[in-house]
Structure formats: structure tokens, C-alpha cells
C-alpha atoms as a PDB file:
ATOM      1  CA  MET A   1      31.509 -17.707 -14.728  1.00  0.00           C
ATOM      2  CA  GLU A   2      30.981 -18.842 -17.886  1.00  0.00           C
ATOM      3  CA  THR A   3      27.591 -20.194 -19.463  1.00  0.00           C
ATOM      4  CA  PRO A   4      26.359 -22.771 -17.742  1.00  0.00           C
ATOM      5  CA  SER A   5      25.527 -26.269 -20.261  1.00  0.00           C
ATOM      6  CA  ASP A   6      21.893 -26.346 -19.779  1.00  0.00           C
ATOM      7  CA  LEU A   7      21.067 -22.470 -20.280  1.00  0.00           C
ATOM      8  CA  ILE A   8      17.757 -21.829 -23.114  1.00  0.00           C
ATOM      9  CA  VAL A   9      17.014 -18.475 -24.622  1.00  0.00           C
ATOM     10  CA  LYS A  10      14.145 -18.442 -26.164  1.00  0.00           C
ATOM     11  CA  LYS A  11      13.699 -14.895 -28.532  1.00  0.00           C
ATOM     12  CA  ASP A  12      10.686 -13.871 -29.369  1.00  0.00           C
ATOM     13  CA  GLY A  13      11.250 -10.979 -32.040  1.00  0.00           C
ATOM     14  CA  ASN A  14      12.065  -8.299 -29.563  1.00  0.00           C
ATOM     15  CA  LYS A  15      11.470 -10.439 -26.298  1.00  0.00           C
ATOM     16  CA  LYS A  16      14.430 -12.969 -24.626  1.00  0.00           C
ATOM     17  CA  SER A  17      13.121 -15.840 -22.234  1.00  0.00           C
ATOM     18  CA  VAL A  18      16.190 -17.205 -20.579  1.00  0.00           C
ATOM     19  CA  GLY A  19      15.585 -20.970 -18.646  1.00  0.00           C
ATOM     20  CA  LYS A  20      16.058 -24.318 -18.732  1.00  0.00           C
ATOM     21  CA  ILE A  21      13.829 -27.622 -18.447  1.00  0.00           C
ATOM     22  CA  ILE A  22      12.602 -29.463 -16.146  1.00  0.00           C
ATOM     23  CA  ASN A  23      11.187 -32.111 -16.482  1.00  0.00           C
ATOM     24  CA  GLU A  24      10.420 -30.920 -19.751  1.00  0.00           C
ATOM     25  CA  VAL A  25       9.341 -27.572 -18.497  1.00  0.00           C
ATOM     26  CA  PHE A  26      10.658 -24.499 -19.408  1.00  0.00           C
ATOM     27  CA  VAL A  27      11.068 -23.005 -16.414  1.00  0.00           C
ATOM     28  CA  PRO A  28      12.659 -19.249 -15.646  1.00  0.00           C
ATOM     29  CA  TYR A  29      16.883 -19.375 -14.988  1.00  0.00           C
ATOM     30  CA  GLU A  30      18.521 -19.320 -11.472  1.00  0.00           C
ATOM     31  CA  THR A  31      18.853 -15.872  -9.798  1.00  0.00           C
ATOM     32  CA  ARG A  32      21.915 -14.813  -8.451  1.00  0.00           C
ATOM     33  CA  GLU A  33      21.741 -15.173  -4.878  1.00  0.00           C
ATOM     34  CA  GLU A  34      20.928 -19.127  -6.033  1.00  0.00           C
ATOM     35  CA  LEU A  35      24.224 -19.256  -8.612  1.00  0.00           C
ATOM     36  CA  SER A  36      26.114 -18.008  -5.366  1.00  0.00           C
ATOM     37  CA  HIS A  37      26.697 -21.521  -4.064  1.00  0.00           C
ATOM     38  CA  THR A  38      28.691 -23.972  -5.598  1.00  0.00           C
ATOM     39  CA  SER A  39      27.026 -26.487  -5.488  1.00  0.00           C
ATOM     40  CA  VAL A  40      23.869 -24.488  -7.867  1.00  0.00           C
ATOM     41  CA  TRP A  41      26.639 -25.033 -10.603  1.00  0.00           C
ATOM     42  CA  LYS A  42      29.165 -26.670 -10.307  1.00  0.00           C
ATOM     43  CA  LYS A  43      28.177 -29.433 -12.653  1.00  0.00           C
ATOM     44  CA  ARG A  44      27.089 -27.235 -15.928  1.00  0.00           C
ATOM     45  CA  SER A  45      29.517 -24.739 -15.508  1.00  0.00           C
ATOM     46  CA  LYS A  46      32.522 -23.895 -14.236  1.00  0.00           C
ATOM     47  CA  ALA A  47      34.409 -20.840 -13.148  1.00  0.00           C
ATOM     48  CA  ILE A  48      36.845 -18.939 -14.968  1.00  0.00           C
ATOM     49  CA  VAL A  49      38.462 -16.817 -11.822  1.00  0.00           C
ATOM     50  CA  TYR A  50      37.421 -16.648  -8.537  1.00  0.00           C
ATOM     51  CA  VAL A  51      37.502 -12.804  -7.409  1.00  0.00           C
ATOM     52  CA  LYS A  52      35.517 -10.345  -4.565  1.00  0.00           C
ATOM     53  CA  ILE A  53      31.714 -10.275  -4.779  1.00  0.00           C
ATOM     54  CA  VAL A  54      32.383  -6.298  -5.485  1.00  0.00           C
ATOM     55  CA  ASP A  55      35.148  -6.989  -8.490  1.00  0.00           C
ATOM     56  CA  LEU A  56      32.099  -9.494  -9.780  1.00  0.00           C
ATOM     57  CA  HIS A  57      29.826  -6.811  -9.568  1.00  0.00           C
ATOM     58  CA  LEU A  58      31.465  -3.908 -11.302  1.00  0.00           C
ATOM     59  CA  ALA A  59      32.489  -5.973 -14.284  1.00  0.00           C
ATOM     60  CA  GLN A  60      28.784  -7.497 -14.402  1.00  0.00           C
ATOM     61  CA  LEU A  61      27.582  -3.897 -14.499  1.00  0.00           C
ATOM     62  CA  GLU A  62      30.589  -3.462 -17.612  1.00  0.00           C
ATOM     63  CA  GLY A  63      30.207  -6.351 -19.299  1.00  0.00           C
ATOM     64  CA  SER A  64      34.058  -6.994 -19.831  1.00  0.00           C
ATOM     65  CA  ALA A  65      36.784  -7.228 -17.198  1.00  0.00           C
ATOM     66  CA  LEU A  66      40.060  -7.032 -17.233  1.00  0.00           C
ATOM     67  CA  VAL A  67      41.705  -9.967 -14.633  1.00  0.00           C
ATOM     68  CA  LYS A  68      45.277  -9.935 -12.810  1.00  0.00           C
ATOM     69  CA  VAL A  69      46.093 -12.476 -10.811  1.00  0.00           C
ATOM     70  CA  PRO A  70      49.315 -11.982  -9.527  1.00  0.00           C
ATOM     71  CA  ASP A  71      52.025 -14.034 -11.089  1.00  0.00           C
ATOM     72  CA  HIS A  72      50.308 -15.066 -13.797  1.00  0.00           C
ATOM     73  CA  ILE A  73      49.503 -12.767 -16.890  1.00  0.00           C
ATOM     74  CA  PRO A  74      46.369 -10.657 -17.312  1.00  0.00           C
ATOM     75  CA  PHE A  75      43.485 -11.919 -19.492  1.00  0.00           C
ATOM     76  CA  ARG A  76      39.864 -10.652 -20.226  1.00  0.00           C
ATOM     77  CA  ILE A  77      36.653 -11.353 -19.664  1.00  0.00           C
ATOM     78  CA  THR A  78      33.753 -10.324 -21.633  1.00  0.00           C
ATOM     79  CA  TYR A  79      30.741 -10.801 -21.177  1.00  0.00           C
ATOM     80  CA  SER A  80      28.987 -14.655 -22.659  1.00  0.00           C
ATOM     81  CA  GLU A  81      25.159 -15.038 -21.441  1.00  0.00           C
ATOM     82  CA  ASP A  82      23.286 -13.319 -18.856  1.00  0.00           C
ATOM     83  CA  ASN A  83      20.041 -15.553 -16.486  1.00  0.00           C
ATOM     84  CA  GLY A  84      17.271 -12.903 -18.363  1.00  0.00           C
ATOM     85  CA  LYS A  85      16.742 -10.930 -14.713  1.00  0.00           C
ATOM     86  CA  GLU A  86      15.963  -7.511 -14.810  1.00  0.00           C
ATOM     87  CA  TYR A  87      18.780  -5.305 -12.803  1.00  0.00           C
ATOM     88  CA  GLN A  88      18.507  -4.632  -9.988  1.00  0.00           C
ATOM     89  CA  SER A  89      20.592  -1.792  -9.043  1.00  0.00           C
ATOM     90  CA  PRO A  90      23.048  -2.148  -5.047  1.00  0.00           C
ATOM     91  CA  ALA A  91      22.102   1.411  -4.852  1.00  0.00           C
ATOM     92  CA  GLU A  92      18.579   0.999  -3.627  1.00  0.00           C
ATOM     93  CA  SER A  93      18.766  -1.426  -0.647  1.00  0.00           C
ATOM     94  CA  LEU A  94      22.504   0.795   0.568  1.00  0.00           C
ATOM     95  CA  LYS A  95      20.685   4.365   0.978  1.00  0.00           C
ATOM     96  CA  GLY A  96      22.469   5.304   4.119  1.00  0.00           C
ATOM     97  CA  ILE A  97      24.295   2.972   5.000  1.00  0.00           C
ATOM     98  CA  CYS A  98      27.661   3.716   2.114  1.00  0.00           C
ATOM     99  CA  SER A  99      28.428   7.880   1.277  1.00  0.00           C
ATOM    100  CA  SER A 100      29.042   7.361  -2.017  1.00  0.00           C
ATOM    101  CA  LEU A 101      26.387   5.239  -4.262  1.00  0.00           C
ATOM    102  CA  ILE A 102      29.014   5.318  -7.323  1.00  0.00           C
ATOM    103  CA  PRO A 103      29.541   1.516  -8.226  1.00  0.00           C
ATOM    104  CA  SER A 104      32.923   1.437  -8.190  1.00  0.00           C
ATOM    105  CA  ASP A 105      32.918   2.832  -4.688  1.00  0.00           C
ATOM    106  CA  LEU A 106      31.803   0.154  -2.990  1.00  0.00           C
ATOM    107  CA  LYS A 107      35.428  -1.083  -3.332  1.00  0.00           C
ATOM    108  CA  SER A 108      35.789   1.104  -0.172  1.00  0.00           C
ATOM    109  CA  CYS A 109      32.263   0.246   1.465  1.00  0.00           C
ATOM    110  CA  ILE A 110      32.787  -2.964   1.343  1.00  0.00           C
ATOM    111  CA  LEU A 111      35.574  -2.660   3.622  1.00  0.00           C
ATOM    112  CA  LYS A 112      33.060  -0.856   6.208  1.00  0.00           C
ATOM    113  CA  TYR A 113      29.477  -2.494   5.615  1.00  0.00           C
ATOM    114  CA  PRO A 114      30.589  -5.812   4.394  1.00  0.00           C
ATOM    115  CA  LYS A 115      28.059  -8.280   5.025  1.00  0.00           C
ATOM    116  CA  GLU A 116      25.518  -5.242   4.322  1.00  0.00           C
ATOM    117  CA  VAL A 117      27.177  -4.511   0.444  1.00  0.00           C
ATOM    118  CA  GLU A 118      27.161  -8.026  -0.088  1.00  0.00           C
ATOM    119  CA  MET A 119      24.012  -8.610   0.750  1.00  0.00           C
ATOM    120  CA  ALA A 120      22.492  -5.634  -1.701  1.00  0.00           C
ATOM    121  CA  ILE A 121      24.500  -7.159  -4.195  1.00  0.00           C
ATOM    122  CA  LEU A 122      23.302 -10.920  -3.904  1.00  0.00           C
ATOM    123  CA  LYS A 123      20.175  -8.471  -4.440  1.00  0.00           C
ATOM    124  CA  ASN A 124      20.527  -8.249  -7.769  1.00  0.00           C
ATOM    125  CA  PRO A 125      18.534 -11.007  -8.910  1.00  0.00           C
ATOM    126  CA  ARG A 126      20.557 -10.645 -12.684  1.00  0.00           C
ATOM    127  CA  TYR A 127      23.214 -12.734 -12.864  1.00  0.00           C
ATOM    128  CA  ILE A 128      25.865 -12.369 -15.947  1.00  0.00           C
ATOM    129  CA  PHE A 129      28.610 -15.107 -17.357  1.00  0.00           C
ATOM    130  CA  PHE A 130      31.692 -14.247 -19.295  1.00  0.00           C
ATOM    131  CA  LYS A 131      34.314 -16.091 -21.401  1.00  0.00           C
ATOM    132  CA  LEU A 132      37.565 -16.090 -22.310  1.00  0.00           C
ATOM    133  CA  GLU A 133      38.069 -12.401 -25.062  1.00  0.00           C
ATOM    134  CA  SER A 134      41.548 -12.629 -26.673  1.00  0.00           C
ATOM    135  CA  SER A 135      41.465  -9.022 -28.171  1.00  0.00           C
ATOM    136  CA  ALA A 136      40.502  -5.753 -26.478  1.00  0.00           C
ATOM    137  CA  PRO A 137      36.794  -5.666 -25.271  1.00  0.00           C
ATOM    138  CA  ARG A 138      33.932  -5.731 -27.484  1.00  0.00           C
ATOM    139  CA  GLY A 139      30.475  -3.673 -28.042  1.00  0.00           C
ATOM    140  CA  SER A 140      27.725  -6.073 -29.247  1.00  0.00           C
ATOM    141  CA  GLY A 141      27.790  -5.222 -32.166  1.00  0.00           C
ATOM    142  CA  GLY A 142      30.855  -7.342 -32.421  1.00  0.00           C
ATOM    143  CA  ILE A 143      33.176  -3.892 -32.696  1.00  0.00           C
ATOM    144  CA  GLU A 144      36.627  -3.562 -30.915  1.00  0.00           C
ATOM    145  CA  LEU A 145      35.131  -0.003 -28.226  1.00  0.00           C
ATOM    146  CA  ILE A 146      37.310   2.326 -28.667  1.00  0.00           C
ATOM    147  CA  PRO A 147      37.899   4.495 -24.994  1.00  0.00           C
ATOM    148  CA  LYS A 148      36.698   7.941 -26.078  1.00  0.00           C
ATOM    149  CA  ARG A 149      35.106   7.015 -28.978  1.00  0.00           C
ATOM    150  CA  SER A 150      33.131   4.330 -27.745  1.00  0.00           C
ATOM    151  CA  VAL A 151      29.326   4.869 -26.476  1.00  0.00           C
ATOM    152  CA  ALA A 152      27.035   2.507 -24.695  1.00  0.00           C
ATOM    153  CA  MET A 153      23.001   3.626 -25.879  1.00  0.00           C
ATOM    154  CA  ASP A 154      19.730   2.423 -25.805  1.00  0.00           C
ATOM    155  CA  PRO A 155      18.837  -1.089 -27.523  1.00  0.00           C
ATOM    156  CA  GLY A 156      16.550   1.149 -29.876  1.00  0.00           C
ATOM    157  CA  ILE A 157      19.964   3.448 -31.695  1.00  0.00           C
ATOM    158  CA  PRO A 158      21.442   1.359 -34.420  1.00  0.00           C
ATOM    159  CA  LEU A 159      25.262   0.459 -33.621  1.00  0.00           C
ATOM    160  CA  GLY A 160      27.802   2.395 -35.841  1.00  0.00           C
ATOM    161  CA  ILE A 161      25.583   5.811 -34.946  1.00  0.00           C
ATOM    162  CA  PRO A 162      27.918   9.298 -34.915  1.00  0.00           C
ATOM    163  CA  VAL A 163      27.167  11.756 -31.742  1.00  0.00           C
ATOM    164  CA  LEU A 164      28.232  14.791 -30.753  1.00  0.00           C
ATOM    165  CA  ILE A 165      28.295  15.102 -26.276  1.00  0.00           C
ATOM    166  CA  SER A 166      29.041  17.783 -23.900  1.00  0.00           C
ATOM    167  CA  PHE A 167      28.728  17.366 -20.667  1.00  0.00           C
ATOM    168  CA  GLU A 168      31.380  19.202 -17.393  1.00  0.00           C
ATOM    169  CA  SER A 169      32.019  16.764 -14.374  1.00  0.00           C
ATOM    170  CA  SER A 170      34.601  17.259 -11.883  1.00  0.00           C
ATOM    171  CA  VAL A 171      37.018  14.423 -13.285  1.00  0.00           C
ATOM    172  CA  LEU A 172      36.940  14.899 -17.047  1.00  0.00           C
ATOM    173  CA  THR A 173      35.058  17.510 -19.347  1.00  0.00           C
ATOM    174  CA  GLU A 174      34.134  17.015 -23.224  1.00  0.00           C
ATOM    175  CA  LYS A 175      33.181  19.642 -25.696  1.00  0.00           C
ATOM    176  CA  ASN A 176      31.445  18.660 -28.374  1.00  0.00           C
ATOM    177  CA  ARG A 177      33.005  15.255 -29.082  1.00  0.00           C
ATOM    178  CA  ILE A 178      32.861  13.015 -31.602  1.00  0.00           C
ATOM    179  CA  VAL A 179      32.062   8.857 -30.169  1.00  0.00           C
ATOM    180  CA  PHE A 180      29.892   6.670 -31.928  1.00  0.00           C
ATOM    181  CA  VAL A 181      27.499   3.643 -30.732  1.00  0.00           C
ATOM    182  CA  HIS A 182      29.498   0.747 -30.386  1.00  0.00           C
ATOM    183  CA  ASP A 183      27.860  -1.195 -27.506  1.00  0.00           C
ATOM    184  CA  ARG A 184      24.430  -1.236 -26.377  1.00  0.00           C
ATOM    185  CA  GLY A 185      23.294  -1.416 -22.619  1.00  0.00           C
ATOM    186  CA  SER A 186      19.556  -3.356 -21.213  1.00  0.00           C
ATOM    187  CA  GLN A 187      19.794  -1.016 -18.172  1.00  0.00           C
ATOM    188  CA  ILE A 188      20.724   1.831 -20.677  1.00  0.00           C
ATOM    189  CA  THR A 189      17.032   3.453 -22.133  1.00  0.00           C
ATOM    190  CA  GLY A 190      15.997   6.454 -23.189  1.00  0.00           C
ATOM    191  CA  HIS A 191      17.387   8.433 -26.553  1.00  0.00           C
ATOM    192  CA  GLY A 192      18.721  10.505 -24.244  1.00  0.00           C
ATOM    193  CA  ARG A 193      21.013   8.613 -22.201  1.00  0.00           C
ATOM    194  CA  LEU A 194      24.762   6.767 -22.859  1.00  0.00           C
ATOM    195  CA  ASP A 195      27.750   5.424 -20.984  1.00  0.00           C
ATOM    196  CA  TYR A 196      31.183   6.933 -22.266  1.00  0.00           C
ATOM    197  CA  PHE A 197      33.709   4.299 -22.084  1.00  0.00           C
ATOM    198  CA  LEU A 198      37.280   5.630 -21.106  1.00  0.00           C
ATOM    199  CA  GLY A 199      39.351   2.077 -21.317  1.00  0.00           C
ATOM    200  CA  THR A 200      40.689  -0.077 -18.949  1.00  0.00           C
ATOM    201  CA  GLY A 201      42.328   0.670 -15.889  1.00  0.00           C
ATOM    202  CA  GLU A 202      42.528   1.771 -12.419  1.00  0.00           C
ATOM    203  CA  THR A 203      42.284   5.641 -13.713  1.00  0.00           C
ATOM    204  CA  ALA A 204      40.158   4.366 -15.727  1.00  0.00           C
ATOM    205  CA  GLU A 205      37.663   2.809 -13.437  1.00  0.00           C
ATOM    206  CA  TYR A 206      37.891   5.829 -11.540  1.00  0.00           C
ATOM    207  CA  GLN A 207      36.381   8.068 -13.614  1.00  0.00           C
ATOM    208  CA  ALA A 208      34.261   5.853 -15.180  1.00  0.00           C
ATOM    209  CA  GLY A 209      32.515   5.968 -11.401  1.00  0.00           C
ATOM    210  CA  LYS A 210      32.890   9.977 -11.057  1.00  0.00           C
ATOM    211  CA  ILE A 211      31.277  10.347 -14.735  1.00  0.00           C
ATOM    212  CA  ASN A 212      27.659  10.577 -13.568  1.00  0.00           C
ATOM    213  CA  THR A 213      26.054  14.371 -14.773  1.00  0.00           C
ATOM    214  CA  GLN A 214      24.130  15.552 -17.219  1.00  0.00           C
ATOM    215  CA  GLY A 215      25.263  16.940 -20.734  1.00  0.00           C
ATOM    216  CA  LYS A 216      24.212  17.226 -24.408  1.00  0.00           C
ATOM    217  CA  ILE A 217      23.549  14.180 -26.637  1.00  0.00           C
ATOM    218  CA  PHE A 218      23.440  15.824 -30.226  1.00  0.00           C
ATOM    219  CA  LEU A 219      22.546  12.221 -32.403  1.00  0.00           C
ATOM    220  CA  ILE A 220      23.672  12.832 -35.901  1.00  0.00           C
ATOM    221  CA  LEU A 221      21.947  10.775 -38.319  1.00  0.00           C
ATOM    222  CA  PRO A 222      21.638  10.987 -42.374  1.00  0.00           C
ATOM    223  CA  LYS A 223      19.617  13.171 -44.041  1.00  0.00           C
ATOM    224  CA  ILE A 224      16.322  11.200 -46.019  1.00  0.00           C
ATOM    225  CA  LYS A 225      15.048  12.388 -49.527  1.00  0.00           C
ATOM    226  CA  ASN A 226      12.322  12.828 -49.701  1.00  0.00           C
END
């Protein structure tokens, strides 16, 4: 869905408020569950493409996606705006239901438990709006993301900072690899966490879903003269 015409963003320093005007009063914007009803947004926005709920969840989690529609040229969508709500992971409601709580594995779980997975996703009030992107995916600084060279980190870390990472996982291992902070994530908090951009396609999606591991992160900072 494109950013609705009535959505208003107010910023006060690092604080951001998202809402709309009703009867001359600024009120919070609708939640994901409310926006799941077409009648709520059809006069204020328009659908870019209709996809399955799990695919939408994964695209909103990543902030961008390559959309492939039968008999059409693939196109890319990227983050445009959000409704200002805090993210709530569907995993919190799916413990004991899905055998794996890795986001990409929800595609398998929804085949067995469609209602449970759909309800868990709808409980997440945060909603990401998209726009068409003509080039490769870009980070929050407008920088084109490069597979295995771009990472997303805490908003407090300056964009462009080089980082040395090392980790081991069942699908990929990196040792002393130089990457760069090209993106930020509202759910990535603290200097000891990052999201590693692996590119697009089924292989990248599969690997990204399996790399949830501990490792080493070293920020490479310029030396300050006294």
C-alpha cells in the first residue's frame, strides 16, 4: 500500500509522531489490524500489489522487496513511511504452534495453522507503507545496498561507518569481513546488533532467515587527535 494522503508526520528532535487530523485534532494513525480492512484506506491510498499476508509481513520487516507477478516484469518496492506504532513480533503469539519462529519459516507454518499465523501478524500494530523503487534497494541514507557489504545498525551509529564482523551459522560463516553501515532499523537497538544484507532471491531469503547467531562486531572509528 502507498502512503495514505492523510498521514502526517511530526518530528521533535529524535521524537516522531505519526497521525492524522480529525475534527481539527491530531490523532494517532490506524493500526495494522484496522488497515487490514480495505474500506478504511481505499479513499486515502491505493494498493501497489496484492500479496499473501506472510509475504507482506516479510517485506515490511525488511523494508523492501522484489515483487514477481506472473506475466509481468518484476519490480521493487521500498519503505516510504510507517504508521508510527511499535513493532510486535508475531513470534510472541506463535510459541508452541510453529516449530520454527524464524520469520521466513512462517510460510511453512501458515500452511498448517493459517488462522493462528494471520492473527499473530495482525497483532503487530506497526504498518509499513511502500513506494515503487526503480533501482536496487537503498538504505535509510539513500545509499544503494550491496549484498554482503551493507548492514543495518542502531540509529545512533553514523551511516557509512566501517564495521568488522565475524560469525558462524549453519548456512554462512564470515571471518573478519569488512562491511558498512548503510541502513538503520527501528528494532535494531544497541551497538552489539546488526542486520546483514545478503541480497535478493530465494537463496538470500533462506540464508537471512537462518542467520540468527552470536558473533563479533568491531566498529572502526577514526582516531581523534588530542
